[in-house]
Amino acid sequence: MQILIADDDPVMLQIVATLVEAVDKEADVVLARNATECLRTLWDRSIQFLLIDRYLPDRSGLDVIQEMDKMHLCIPTALMNG
């Protein structure tokens, strides 16, 4: 399963990636550091689950979710805050 984690905080990005890999040893974790990178990755790859920070430097996580809807990308998503 390809799981995309989008967060601008490198420490949080690594913590969440480590937790996901500990829970699912076969997960293919992909990282994005901003909304633009996240949307590009969602379009280019077969992502099955998205964990996204609510506050990214270039757009909010909610903006990304709205853009996914416009792109007809139906991907289960969890919004992180913190």
PDB file of N, CA and C in Angstrom:
ATOM      1  N   MET A   1       0.839  -1.179   0.000  1.00  0.00           N
ATOM      2  CA  MET A   1       0.000   0.000   0.000  1.00  0.00           C
ATOM      3  C   MET A   1       0.882   1.240   0.000  1.00  0.00           C
ATOM      4  N   GLN A   2       0.611   2.169  -0.904  1.00  0.00           N
ATOM      5  CA  GLN A   2       1.345   3.425  -0.932  1.00  0.00           C
ATOM      6  C   GLN A   2       0.620   4.459  -0.077  1.00  0.00           C
ATOM      7  N   ILE A   3       1.331   4.979   0.900  1.00  0.00           N
ATOM      8  CA  ILE A   3       0.786   5.966   1.822  1.00  0.00           C
ATOM      9  C   ILE A   3       1.595   7.245   1.688  1.00  0.00           C
ATOM     10  N   LEU A   4       0.902   8.327   1.397  1.00  0.00           N
ATOM     11  CA  LEU A   4       1.546   9.633   1.273  1.00  0.00           C
ATOM     12  C   LEU A   4       1.350  10.403   2.566  1.00  0.00           C
ATOM     13  N   ILE A   5       2.461  10.914   3.101  1.00  0.00           N
ATOM     14  CA  ILE A   5       2.426  11.755   4.295  1.00  0.00           C
ATOM     15  C   ILE A   5       2.897  13.138   3.876  1.00  0.00           C
ATOM     16  N   ALA A   6       2.068  14.152   4.131  1.00  0.00           N
ATOM     17  CA  ALA A   6       2.410  15.524   3.759  1.00  0.00           C
ATOM     18  C   ALA A   6       2.466  16.392   5.010  1.00  0.00           C
ATOM     19  N   ASP A   7       3.650  16.927   5.277  1.00  0.00           N
ATOM     20  CA  ASP A   7       3.850  17.792   6.443  1.00  0.00           C
ATOM     21  C   ASP A   7       5.110  18.617   6.196  1.00  0.00           C
ATOM     22  N   ASP A   8       5.094  19.878   6.564  1.00  0.00           N
ATOM     23  CA  ASP A   8       6.263  20.732   6.361  1.00  0.00           C
ATOM     24  C   ASP A   8       7.278  20.635   7.494  1.00  0.00           C
ATOM     25  N   ASP A   9       6.907  20.025   8.592  1.00  0.00           N
ATOM     26  CA  ASP A   9       7.818  19.849   9.732  1.00  0.00           C
ATOM     27  C   ASP A   9       8.584  18.537   9.543  1.00  0.00           C
ATOM     28  N   PRO A  10       9.896  18.615   9.289  1.00  0.00           N
ATOM     29  CA  PRO A  10      10.661  17.394   9.015  1.00  0.00           C
ATOM     30  C   PRO A  10      10.657  16.395  10.175  1.00  0.00           C
ATOM     31  N   VAL A  11      10.609  16.879  11.407  1.00  0.00           N
ATOM     32  CA  VAL A  11      10.576  15.979  12.561  1.00  0.00           C
ATOM     33  C   VAL A  11       9.251  15.224  12.596  1.00  0.00           C
ATOM     34  N   MET A  12       8.147  15.942  12.429  1.00  0.00           N
ATOM     35  CA  MET A  12       6.834  15.307  12.428  1.00  0.00           C
ATOM     36  C   MET A  12       6.705  14.339  11.250  1.00  0.00           C
ATOM     37  N   LEU A  13       7.233  14.725  10.111  1.00  0.00           N
ATOM     38  CA  LEU A  13       7.203  13.865   8.930  1.00  0.00           C
ATOM     39  C   LEU A  13       7.890  12.536   9.219  1.00  0.00           C
ATOM     40  N   GLN A  14       9.043  12.591   9.869  1.00  0.00           N
ATOM     41  CA  GLN A  14       9.787  11.364  10.178  1.00  0.00           C
ATOM     42  C   GLN A  14       9.088  10.536  11.253  1.00  0.00           C
ATOM     43  N   ILE A  15       8.528  11.179  12.253  1.00  0.00           N
ATOM     44  CA  ILE A  15       7.815  10.453  13.322  1.00  0.00           C
ATOM     45  C   ILE A  15       6.619   9.707  12.742  1.00  0.00           C
ATOM     46  N   VAL A  16       5.818  10.390  11.939  1.00  0.00           N
ATOM     47  CA  VAL A  16       4.631   9.756  11.360  1.00  0.00           C
ATOM     48  C   VAL A  16       5.036   8.635  10.412  1.00  0.00           C
ATOM     49  N   ALA A  17       6.059   8.859   9.607  1.00  0.00           N
ATOM     50  CA  ALA A  17       6.535   7.815   8.688  1.00  0.00           C
ATOM     51  C   ALA A  17       6.996   6.584   9.461  1.00  0.00           C
ATOM     52  N   THR A  18       7.717   6.782  10.546  1.00  0.00           N
ATOM     53  CA  THR A  18       8.193   5.672  11.370  1.00  0.00           C
ATOM     54  C   THR A  18       7.026   4.902  11.978  1.00  0.00           C
ATOM     55  N   LEU A  19       6.021   5.623  12.454  1.00  0.00           N
ATOM     56  CA  LEU A  19       4.844   4.961  13.029  1.00  0.00           C
ATOM     57  C   LEU A  19       4.086   4.147  11.974  1.00  0.00           C
ATOM     58  N   VAL A  20       3.901   4.715  10.796  1.00  0.00           N
ATOM     59  CA  VAL A  20       3.199   4.004   9.727  1.00  0.00           C
ATOM     60  C   VAL A  20       3.956   2.737   9.351  1.00  0.00           C
ATOM     61  N   GLU A  21       5.267   2.843   9.206  1.00  0.00           N
ATOM     62  CA  GLU A  21       6.080   1.679   8.847  1.00  0.00           C
ATOM     63  C   GLU A  21       6.085   0.625   9.951  1.00  0.00           C
ATOM     64  N   ALA A  22       5.967   1.043  11.213  1.00  0.00           N
ATOM     65  CA  ALA A  22       5.915   0.091  12.318  1.00  0.00           C
ATOM     66  C   ALA A  22       4.588  -0.669  12.324  1.00  0.00           C
ATOM     67  N   VAL A  23       3.522  -0.001  11.944  1.00  0.00           N
ATOM     68  CA  VAL A  23       2.198  -0.621  11.921  1.00  0.00           C
ATOM     69  C   VAL A  23       2.038  -1.523  10.700  1.00  0.00           C
ATOM     70  N   ASP A  24       2.542  -1.072   9.562  1.00  0.00           N
ATOM     71  CA  ASP A  24       2.412  -1.822   8.311  1.00  0.00           C
ATOM     72  C   ASP A  24       3.788  -1.976   7.678  1.00  0.00           C
ATOM     73  N   LYS A  25       4.401  -3.103   7.912  1.00  0.00           N
ATOM     74  CA  LYS A  25       5.766  -3.356   7.432  1.00  0.00           C
ATOM     75  C   LYS A  25       5.867  -3.310   5.907  1.00  0.00           C
ATOM     76  N   GLU A  26       4.757  -3.553   5.217  1.00  0.00           N
ATOM     77  CA  GLU A  26       4.777  -3.571   3.757  1.00  0.00           C
ATOM     78  C   GLU A  26       4.354  -2.241   3.139  1.00  0.00           C
ATOM     79  N   ALA A  27       4.103  -1.239   3.962  1.00  0.00           N
ATOM     80  CA  ALA A  27       3.690   0.068   3.442  1.00  0.00           C
ATOM     81  C   ALA A  27       4.830   0.720   2.672  1.00  0.00           C
ATOM     82  N   ASP A  28       4.484   1.316   1.557  1.00  0.00           N
ATOM     83  CA  ASP A  28       5.425   2.116   0.777  1.00  0.00           C
ATOM     84  C   ASP A  28       5.123   3.570   1.118  1.00  0.00           C
ATOM     85  N   VAL A  29       5.916   4.142   2.020  1.00  0.00           N
ATOM     86  CA  VAL A  29       5.670   5.495   2.511  1.00  0.00           C
ATOM     87  C   VAL A  29       6.331   6.507   1.577  1.00  0.00           C
ATOM     88  N   VAL A  30       5.524   7.472   1.139  1.00  0.00           N
ATOM     89  CA  VAL A  30       5.987   8.542   0.271  1.00  0.00           C
ATOM     90  C   VAL A  30       5.815   9.841   1.044  1.00  0.00           C
ATOM     91  N   LEU A  31       6.799  10.740   0.957  1.00  0.00           N
ATOM     92  CA  LEU A  31       6.770  11.977   1.736  1.00  0.00           C
ATOM     93  C   LEU A  31       6.634  13.201   0.840  1.00  0.00           C
ATOM     94  N   ALA A  32       5.867  14.188   1.313  1.00  0.00           N
ATOM     95  CA  ALA A  32       5.738  15.477   0.636  1.00  0.00           C
ATOM     96  C   ALA A  32       5.887  16.574   1.684  1.00  0.00           C
ATOM     97  N   ARG A  33       6.575  17.646   1.334  1.00  0.00           N
ATOM     98  CA  ARG A  33       6.851  18.710   2.294  1.00  0.00           C
ATOM     99  C   ARG A  33       5.978  19.948   2.120  1.00  0.00           C
ATOM    100  N   ASN A  34       5.119  19.941   1.108  1.00  0.00           N
ATOM    101  CA  ASN A  34       4.192  21.055   0.907  1.00  0.00           C
ATOM    102  C   ASN A  34       3.008  20.591   0.066  1.00  0.00           C
ATOM    103  N   ALA A  35       2.025  21.454  -0.093  1.00  0.00           N
ATOM    104  CA  ALA A  35       0.800  21.083  -0.808  1.00  0.00           C
ATOM    105  C   ALA A  35       1.053  20.828  -2.287  1.00  0.00           C
ATOM    106  N   THR A  36       1.912  21.627  -2.892  1.00  0.00           N
ATOM    107  CA  THR A  36       2.210  21.460  -4.311  1.00  0.00           C
ATOM    108  C   THR A  36       2.832  20.098  -4.576  1.00  0.00           C
ATOM    109  N   GLU A  37       3.801  19.733  -3.762  1.00  0.00           N
ATOM    110  CA  GLU A  37       4.449  18.425  -3.884  1.00  0.00           C
ATOM    111  C   GLU A  37       3.451  17.296  -3.620  1.00  0.00           C
ATOM    112  N   CYS A  38       2.570  17.508  -2.662  1.00  0.00           N
ATOM    113  CA  CYS A  38       1.553  16.518  -2.327  1.00  0.00           C
ATOM    114  C   CYS A  38       0.622  16.272  -3.513  1.00  0.00           C
ATOM    115  N   LEU A  39       0.098  17.347  -4.093  1.00  0.00           N
ATOM    116  CA  LEU A  39      -0.821  17.209  -5.224  1.00  0.00           C
ATOM    117  C   LEU A  39      -0.141  16.570  -6.427  1.00  0.00           C
ATOM    118  N   ARG A  40       1.095  16.939  -6.685  1.00  0.00           N
ATOM    119  CA  ARG A  40       1.848  16.344  -7.800  1.00  0.00           C
ATOM    120  C   ARG A  40       2.017  14.843  -7.577  1.00  0.00           C
ATOM    121  N   THR A  41       2.338  14.461  -6.347  1.00  0.00           N
ATOM    122  CA  THR A  41       2.518  13.044  -6.022  1.00  0.00           C
ATOM    123  C   THR A  41       1.199  12.278  -6.138  1.00  0.00           C
ATOM    124  N   LEU A  42       0.120  12.881  -5.670  1.00  0.00           N
ATOM    125  CA  LEU A  42      -1.188  12.236  -5.771  1.00  0.00           C
ATOM    126  C   LEU A  42      -1.567  11.990  -7.224  1.00  0.00           C
ATOM    127  N   TRP A  43      -1.241  12.921  -8.090  1.00  0.00           N
ATOM    128  CA  TRP A  43      -1.574  12.800  -9.505  1.00  0.00           C
ATOM    129  C   TRP A  43      -0.679  11.766 -10.210  1.00  0.00           C
ATOM    130  N   ASP A  44       0.603  11.733  -9.824  1.00  0.00           N
ATOM    131  CA  ASP A  44       1.593  10.899 -10.531  1.00  0.00           C
ATOM    132  C   ASP A  44       1.680   9.461 -10.043  1.00  0.00           C
ATOM    133  N   ARG A  45       1.272   9.202  -8.812  1.00  0.00           N
ATOM    134  CA  ARG A  45       1.471   7.870  -8.231  1.00  0.00           C
ATOM    135  C   ARG A  45       0.148   7.257  -7.808  1.00  0.00           C
ATOM    136  N   SER A  46       0.170   5.986  -7.546  1.00  0.00           N
ATOM    137  CA  SER A  46      -1.038   5.262  -7.108  1.00  0.00           C
ATOM    138  C   SER A  46      -1.107   5.237  -5.584  1.00  0.00           C
ATOM    139  N   ILE A  47      -1.363   6.397  -5.009  1.00  0.00           N
ATOM    140  CA  ILE A  47      -1.446   6.528  -3.553  1.00  0.00           C
ATOM    141  C   ILE A  47      -2.782   5.952  -3.090  1.00  0.00           C
ATOM    142  N   GLN A  48      -2.731   5.126  -2.025  1.00  0.00           N
ATOM    143  CA  GLN A  48      -3.955   4.532  -1.495  1.00  0.00           C
ATOM    144  C   GLN A  48      -4.456   5.199  -0.223  1.00  0.00           C
ATOM    145  N   PHE A  49      -3.588   5.982   0.434  1.00  0.00           N
ATOM    146  CA  PHE A  49      -4.002   6.664   1.657  1.00  0.00           C
ATOM    147  C   PHE A  49      -3.152   7.911   1.833  1.00  0.00           C
ATOM    148  N   LEU A  50      -3.782   9.000   2.294  1.00  0.00           N
ATOM    149  CA  LEU A  50      -3.087  10.269   2.507  1.00  0.00           C
ATOM    150  C   LEU A  50      -3.236  10.706   3.951  1.00  0.00           C
ATOM    151  N   LEU A  51      -2.108  11.010   4.572  1.00  0.00           N
ATOM    152  CA  LEU A  51      -2.063  11.676   5.880  1.00  0.00           C
ATOM    153  C   LEU A  51      -1.507  13.069   5.607  1.00  0.00           C
ATOM    154  N   ILE A  52      -2.301  14.094   5.878  1.00  0.00           N
ATOM    155  CA  ILE A  52      -1.873  15.454   5.525  1.00  0.00           C
ATOM    156  C   ILE A  52      -2.046  16.414   6.693  1.00  0.00           C
ATOM    157  N   ASP A  53      -1.040  17.259   6.873  1.00  0.00           N
ATOM    158  CA  ASP A  53      -1.087  18.295   7.899  1.00  0.00           C
ATOM    159  C   ASP A  53      -2.122  19.348   7.500  1.00  0.00           C
ATOM    160  N   ARG A  54      -2.817  19.874   8.469  1.00  0.00           N
ATOM    161  CA  ARG A  54      -3.825  20.895   8.168  1.00  0.00           C
ATOM    162  C   ARG A  54      -3.179  22.187   7.679  1.00  0.00           C
ATOM    163  N   TYR A  55      -1.995  22.500   8.197  1.00  0.00           N
ATOM    164  CA  TYR A  55      -1.329  23.757   7.848  1.00  0.00           C
ATOM    165  C   TYR A  55      -0.025  23.477   7.114  1.00  0.00           C
ATOM    166  N   LEU A  56       0.005  23.765   5.826  1.00  0.00           N
ATOM    167  CA  LEU A  56       1.205  23.651   5.012  1.00  0.00           C
ATOM    168  C   LEU A  56       1.583  25.054   4.551  1.00  0.00           C
ATOM    169  N   PRO A  57       2.844  25.280   4.191  1.00  0.00           N
ATOM    170  CA  PRO A  57       3.266  26.652   3.892  1.00  0.00           C
ATOM    171  C   PRO A  57       2.621  27.263   2.642  1.00  0.00           C
ATOM    172  N   ASP A  58       2.323  26.457   1.636  1.00  0.00           N
ATOM    173  CA  ASP A  58       1.802  27.034   0.399  1.00  0.00           C
ATOM    174  C   ASP A  58       0.287  26.963   0.261  1.00  0.00           C
ATOM    175  N   ARG A  59      -0.356  26.002   0.912  1.00  0.00           N
ATOM    176  CA  ARG A  59      -1.813  25.856   0.919  1.00  0.00           C
ATOM    177  C   ARG A  59      -2.178  25.028   2.130  1.00  0.00           C
ATOM    178  N   SER A  60      -3.418  25.097   2.545  1.00  0.00           N
ATOM    179  CA  SER A  60      -3.829  24.292   3.695  1.00  0.00           C
ATOM    180  C   SER A  60      -4.147  22.863   3.251  1.00  0.00           C
ATOM    181  N   GLY A  61      -4.154  21.963   4.209  1.00  0.00           N
ATOM    182  CA  GLY A  61      -4.541  20.590   3.923  1.00  0.00           C
ATOM    183  C   GLY A  61      -5.974  20.510   3.418  1.00  0.00           C
ATOM    184  N   LEU A  62      -6.834  21.384   3.925  1.00  0.00           N
ATOM    185  CA  LEU A  62      -8.221  21.427   3.456  1.00  0.00           C
ATOM    186  C   LEU A  62      -8.285  21.855   1.993  1.00  0.00           C
ATOM    187  N   ASP A  63      -7.426  22.786   1.587  1.00  0.00           N
ATOM    188  CA  ASP A  63      -7.351  23.188   0.179  1.00  0.00           C
ATOM    189  C   ASP A  63      -6.947  22.000  -0.694  1.00  0.00           C
ATOM    190  N   VAL A  64      -6.002  21.215  -0.207  1.00  0.00           N
ATOM    191  CA  VAL A  64      -5.553  20.038  -0.954  1.00  0.00           C
ATOM    192  C   VAL A  64      -6.712  19.053  -1.122  1.00  0.00           C
ATOM    193  N   ILE A  65      -7.468  18.826  -0.064  1.00  0.00           N
ATOM    194  CA  ILE A  65      -8.604  17.907  -0.135  1.00  0.00           C
ATOM    195  C   ILE A  65      -9.635  18.421  -1.142  1.00  0.00           C
ATOM    196  N   GLN A  66      -9.892  19.716  -1.154  1.00  0.00           N
ATOM    197  CA  GLN A  66     -10.819  20.290  -2.136  1.00  0.00           C
ATOM    198  C   GLN A  66     -10.279  20.125  -3.558  1.00  0.00           C
ATOM    199  N   GLU A  67      -8.990  20.317  -3.729  1.00  0.00           N
ATOM    200  CA  GLU A  67      -8.375  20.149  -5.048  1.00  0.00           C
ATOM    201  C   GLU A  67      -8.439  18.685  -5.492  1.00  0.00           C
ATOM    202  N   MET A  68      -8.266  17.764  -4.561  1.00  0.00           N
ATOM    203  CA  MET A  68      -8.391  16.334  -4.886  1.00  0.00           C
ATOM    204  C   MET A  68      -9.781  16.034  -5.431  1.00  0.00           C
ATOM    205  N   ASP A  69     -10.794  16.657  -4.846  1.00  0.00           N
ATOM    206  CA  ASP A  69     -12.161  16.462  -5.311  1.00  0.00           C
ATOM    207  C   ASP A  69     -12.310  16.963  -6.745  1.00  0.00           C
ATOM    208  N   LYS A  70     -11.748  18.132  -7.049  1.00  0.00           N
ATOM    209  CA  LYS A  70     -11.793  18.677  -8.412  1.00  0.00           C
ATOM    210  C   LYS A  70     -11.057  17.781  -9.404  1.00  0.00           C
ATOM    211  N   MET A  71      -9.999  17.109  -8.924  1.00  0.00           N
ATOM    212  CA  MET A  71      -9.202  16.216  -9.776  1.00  0.00           C
ATOM    213  C   MET A  71      -9.824  14.816  -9.859  1.00  0.00           C
ATOM    214  N   HIS A  72     -10.946  14.617  -9.171  1.00  0.00           N
ATOM    215  CA  HIS A  72     -11.633  13.319  -9.117  1.00  0.00           C
ATOM    216  C   HIS A  72     -10.735  12.227  -8.533  1.00  0.00           C
ATOM    217  N   LEU A  73      -9.960  12.611  -7.522  1.00  0.00           N
ATOM    218  CA  LEU A  73      -9.117  11.656  -6.808  1.00  0.00           C
ATOM    219  C   LEU A  73      -9.842  11.239  -5.533  1.00  0.00           C
ATOM    220  N   CYS A  74     -10.295  10.017  -5.502  1.00  0.00           N
ATOM    221  CA  CYS A  74     -11.037   9.499  -4.351  1.00  0.00           C
ATOM    222  C   CYS A  74     -10.087   8.651  -3.516  1.00  0.00           C
ATOM    223  N   ILE A  75      -9.375   9.301  -2.614  1.00  0.00           N
ATOM    224  CA  ILE A  75      -8.343   8.654  -1.810  1.00  0.00           C
ATOM    225  C   ILE A  75      -8.687   8.870  -0.338  1.00  0.00           C
ATOM    226  N   PRO A  76      -8.767   7.800   0.456  1.00  0.00           N
ATOM    227  CA  PRO A  76      -9.001   7.992   1.897  1.00  0.00           C
ATOM    228  C   PRO A  76      -7.932   8.913   2.484  1.00  0.00           C
ATOM    229  N   THR A  77      -8.388   9.851   3.307  1.00  0.00           N
ATOM    230  CA  THR A  77      -7.500  10.898   3.802  1.00  0.00           C
ATOM    231  C   THR A  77      -7.732  11.147   5.281  1.00  0.00           C
ATOM    232  N   ALA A  78      -6.644  11.366   6.005  1.00  0.00           N
ATOM    233  CA  ALA A  78      -6.717  11.788   7.406  1.00  0.00           C
ATOM    234  C   ALA A  78      -5.998  13.124   7.523  1.00  0.00           C
ATOM    235  N   LEU A  79      -6.672  14.078   8.132  1.00  0.00           N
ATOM    236  CA  LEU A  79      -6.115  15.420   8.325  1.00  0.00           C
ATOM    237  C   LEU A  79      -5.471  15.489   9.708  1.00  0.00           C
ATOM    238  N   MET A  80      -4.197  15.861   9.737  1.00  0.00           N
ATOM    239  CA  MET A  80      -3.462  15.959  11.008  1.00  0.00           C
ATOM    240  C   MET A  80      -3.400  17.422  11.434  1.00  0.00           C
ATOM    241  N   ASN A  81      -3.404  17.631  12.726  1.00  0.00           N
ATOM    242  CA  ASN A  81      -3.293  18.982  13.267  1.00  0.00           C
ATOM    243  C   ASN A  81      -2.334  18.922  14.457  1.00  0.00           C
ATOM    244  N   GLY A  82      -1.268  19.662  14.377  1.00  0.00           N
ATOM    245  CA  GLY A  82      -0.374  19.647  15.511  1.00  0.00           C
ATOM    246  C   GLY A  82       0.982  19.867  15.090  1.00  0.00           C
TER     247      GLY A  82
END
